[in-house]
């Protein structure tokens, strides 16, 4: 049970780190912390089948609370934007007729 509680706590710590990063305006760091929280929650899901009913009750409640915090924070993260304004480069090989012989 200790290892399971540690995983749930690790996820909670990462969500707290993400909250702090977002408060400082570091959305990228917040995303990275949420990714680590997701990893810890995924590890708990993998071990779910092997848990006893008592472990499921305790871990389910703890992980559920962390997941709720994680989801609320993720909804507050700004969308990732990609700049795609660029000039296309002309490739001379694409402009050449494939049947035209190549001159050296």
C-alpha atoms as a PDB file:
ATOM      1  CA  UNK A   1       0.000   0.000   0.000  1.00  0.00           C
ATOM      2  CA  UNK A   2       2.904   2.360   0.729  1.00  0.00           C
ATOM      3  CA  UNK A   3       4.137   2.260  -2.859  1.00  0.00           C
ATOM      4  CA  UNK A   4       0.630   2.984  -4.142  1.00  0.00           C
ATOM      5  CA  UNK A   5       0.214   5.923  -1.780  1.00  0.00           C
ATOM      6  CA  UNK A   6       3.610   7.221  -2.845  1.00  0.00           C
ATOM      7  CA  UNK A   7       2.527   7.155  -6.506  1.00  0.00           C
ATOM      8  CA  UNK A   8      -0.655   9.068  -5.650  1.00  0.00           C
ATOM      9  CA  UNK A   9       1.375  11.561  -3.608  1.00  0.00           C
ATOM     10  CA  UNK A  10       3.907  11.961  -6.427  1.00  0.00           C
ATOM     11  CA  UNK A  11       1.084  12.786  -8.808  1.00  0.00           C
ATOM     12  CA  UNK A  12      -0.243  15.347  -6.340  1.00  0.00           C
ATOM     13  CA  UNK A  13       3.186  16.938  -5.936  1.00  0.00           C
ATOM     14  CA  UNK A  14       3.503  17.268  -9.703  1.00  0.00           C
ATOM     15  CA  UNK A  15       0.077  18.899  -9.960  1.00  0.00           C
ATOM     16  CA  UNK A  16       1.132  21.347  -7.244  1.00  0.00           C
ATOM     17  CA  UNK A  17       4.323  22.079  -9.186  1.00  0.00           C
ATOM     18  CA  UNK A  18       2.227  22.678 -12.304  1.00  0.00           C
ATOM     19  CA  UNK A  19      -0.034  25.065 -10.393  1.00  0.00           C
ATOM     20  CA  UNK A  20       2.989  27.018  -9.159  1.00  0.00           C
ATOM     21  CA  UNK A  21       4.537  27.138 -12.623  1.00  0.00           C
ATOM     22  CA  UNK A  22       1.315  28.373 -14.190  1.00  0.00           C
ATOM     23  CA  UNK A  23       0.980  31.054 -11.498  1.00  0.00           C
ATOM     24  CA  UNK A  24       4.451  32.272 -12.530  1.00  0.00           C
ATOM     25  CA  UNK A  25       3.445  32.296 -16.199  1.00  0.00           C
ATOM     26  CA  UNK A  26       5.536  29.264 -17.122  1.00  0.00           C
ATOM     27  CA  UNK A  27       2.970  27.276 -19.105  1.00  0.00           C
ATOM     28  CA  UNK A  28       5.624  24.988 -20.605  1.00  0.00           C
ATOM     29  CA  UNK A  29       6.894  23.970 -17.183  1.00  0.00           C
ATOM     30  CA  UNK A  30       3.305  23.452 -16.046  1.00  0.00           C
ATOM     31  CA  UNK A  31       2.680  21.103 -18.976  1.00  0.00           C
ATOM     32  CA  UNK A  32       5.818  19.134 -18.152  1.00  0.00           C
ATOM     33  CA  UNK A  33       4.735  18.759 -14.513  1.00  0.00           C
ATOM     34  CA  UNK A  34       1.280  17.613 -15.648  1.00  0.00           C
ATOM     35  CA  UNK A  35       2.937  15.046 -17.907  1.00  0.00           C
ATOM     36  CA  UNK A  36       4.805  13.675 -14.891  1.00  0.00           C
ATOM     37  CA  UNK A  37       1.549  13.612 -12.912  1.00  0.00           C
ATOM     38  CA  UNK A  38      -0.076  11.727 -15.780  1.00  0.00           C
ATOM     39  CA  UNK A  39       2.743   9.181 -15.677  1.00  0.00           C
ATOM     40  CA  UNK A  40       2.179   8.568 -11.955  1.00  0.00           C
ATOM     41  CA  UNK A  41      -1.587   8.247 -12.444  1.00  0.00           C
ATOM     42  CA  UNK A  42      -1.010   5.841 -15.353  1.00  0.00           C
ATOM     43  CA  UNK A  43       1.211   3.706 -13.114  1.00  0.00           C
ATOM     44  CA  UNK A  44      -1.631   3.527 -10.589  1.00  0.00           C
ATOM     45  CA  UNK A  45      -4.084   2.498 -13.316  1.00  0.00           C
ATOM     46  CA  UNK A  46      -1.719  -0.283 -14.386  1.00  0.00           C
ATOM     47  CA  UNK A  47      -1.634  -1.639 -10.835  1.00  0.00           C
ATOM     48  CA  UNK A  48      -5.391  -1.275 -10.252  1.00  0.00           C
ATOM     49  CA  UNK A  49      -6.191  -4.892 -11.119  1.00  0.00           C
ATOM     50  CA  UNK A  50      -3.829  -6.205  -8.479  1.00  0.00           C
ATOM     51  CA  UNK A  51      -5.164  -4.027  -5.669  1.00  0.00           C
ATOM     52  CA  UNK A  52      -7.361  -5.295  -2.874  1.00  0.00           C
ATOM     53  CA  UNK A  53     -10.763  -3.726  -2.282  1.00  0.00           C
ATOM     54  CA  UNK A  54      -9.383  -1.720   0.639  1.00  0.00           C
ATOM     55  CA  UNK A  55      -6.466  -0.462  -1.465  1.00  0.00           C
ATOM     56  CA  UNK A  56      -8.827   0.498  -4.266  1.00  0.00           C
ATOM     57  CA  UNK A  57     -10.988   2.495  -1.881  1.00  0.00           C
ATOM     58  CA  UNK A  58      -8.065   4.482  -0.491  1.00  0.00           C
ATOM     59  CA  UNK A  59      -6.101   4.884  -3.722  1.00  0.00           C
ATOM     60  CA  UNK A  60      -9.219   5.557  -5.779  1.00  0.00           C
ATOM     61  CA  UNK A  61     -10.194   8.461  -3.548  1.00  0.00           C
ATOM     62  CA  UNK A  62      -6.677   9.915  -3.432  1.00  0.00           C
ATOM     63  CA  UNK A  63      -6.040   9.538  -7.149  1.00  0.00           C
ATOM     64  CA  UNK A  64      -9.506  10.868  -7.977  1.00  0.00           C
ATOM     65  CA  UNK A  65      -8.826  14.071  -6.067  1.00  0.00           C
ATOM     66  CA  UNK A  66      -5.478  14.494  -7.827  1.00  0.00           C
ATOM     67  CA  UNK A  67      -7.084  13.812 -11.197  1.00  0.00           C
ATOM     68  CA  UNK A  68      -9.748  16.456 -10.569  1.00  0.00           C
ATOM     69  CA  UNK A  69      -7.086  19.049  -9.711  1.00  0.00           C
ATOM     70  CA  UNK A  70      -5.051  18.002 -12.741  1.00  0.00           C
ATOM     71  CA  UNK A  71      -8.000  18.321 -15.119  1.00  0.00           C
ATOM     72  CA  UNK A  72      -8.966  21.767 -13.783  1.00  0.00           C
ATOM     73  CA  UNK A  73      -5.418  22.998 -14.192  1.00  0.00           C
ATOM     74  CA  UNK A  74      -5.062  21.530 -17.677  1.00  0.00           C
ATOM     75  CA  UNK A  75      -8.185  23.419 -18.725  1.00  0.00           C
ATOM     76  CA  UNK A  76      -6.529  26.682 -17.638  1.00  0.00           C
ATOM     77  CA  UNK A  77      -3.372  26.159 -19.696  1.00  0.00           C
ATOM     78  CA  UNK A  78      -3.114  28.356 -22.780  1.00  0.00           C
ATOM     79  CA  UNK A  79      -3.364  26.583 -26.098  1.00  0.00           C
ATOM     80  CA  UNK A  80      -0.124  25.627 -27.797  1.00  0.00           C
ATOM     81  CA  UNK A  81       0.411  27.712 -30.890  1.00  0.00           C
ATOM     82  CA  UNK A  82       2.763  27.010 -33.723  1.00  0.00           C
ATOM     83  CA  UNK A  83       4.115  29.672 -36.013  1.00  0.00           C
ATOM     84  CA  UNK A  84       3.934  28.483 -39.582  1.00  0.00           C
ATOM     85  CA  UNK A  85       4.628  31.676 -41.493  1.00  0.00           C
ATOM     86  CA  UNK A  86       7.534  30.837 -43.710  1.00  0.00           C
ATOM     87  CA  UNK A  87       8.627  31.243 -47.254  1.00  0.00           C
ATOM     88  CA  UNK A  88       8.527  28.132 -49.374  1.00  0.00           C
ATOM     89  CA  UNK A  89      11.844  27.334 -50.979  1.00  0.00           C
ATOM     90  CA  UNK A  90      11.905  26.445 -54.633  1.00  0.00           C
ATOM     91  CA  UNK A  91      13.427  23.026 -55.302  1.00  0.00           C
ATOM     92  CA  UNK A  92      14.944  22.969 -58.815  1.00  0.00           C
ATOM     93  CA  UNK A  93      14.483  19.201 -59.076  1.00  0.00           C
ATOM     94  CA  UNK A  94      10.741  19.512 -58.638  1.00  0.00           C
ATOM     95  CA  UNK A  95      10.556  22.084 -61.453  1.00  0.00           C
ATOM     96  CA  UNK A  96      12.376  19.820 -63.920  1.00  0.00           C
ATOM     97  CA  UNK A  97      10.547  17.492 -66.273  1.00  0.00           C
ATOM     98  CA  UNK A  98      11.402  13.924 -65.154  1.00  0.00           C
ATOM     99  CA  UNK A  99      11.918  12.850 -68.787  1.00  0.00           C
ATOM    100  CA  UNK A 100      14.373  15.668 -69.473  1.00  0.00           C
ATOM    101  CA  UNK A 101      18.000  14.472 -69.493  1.00  0.00           C
ATOM    102  CA  UNK A 102      20.219  15.870 -66.783  1.00  0.00           C
ATOM    103  CA  UNK A 103      23.006  18.064 -68.089  1.00  0.00           C
ATOM    104  CA  UNK A 104      26.343  18.218 -66.307  1.00  0.00           C
END
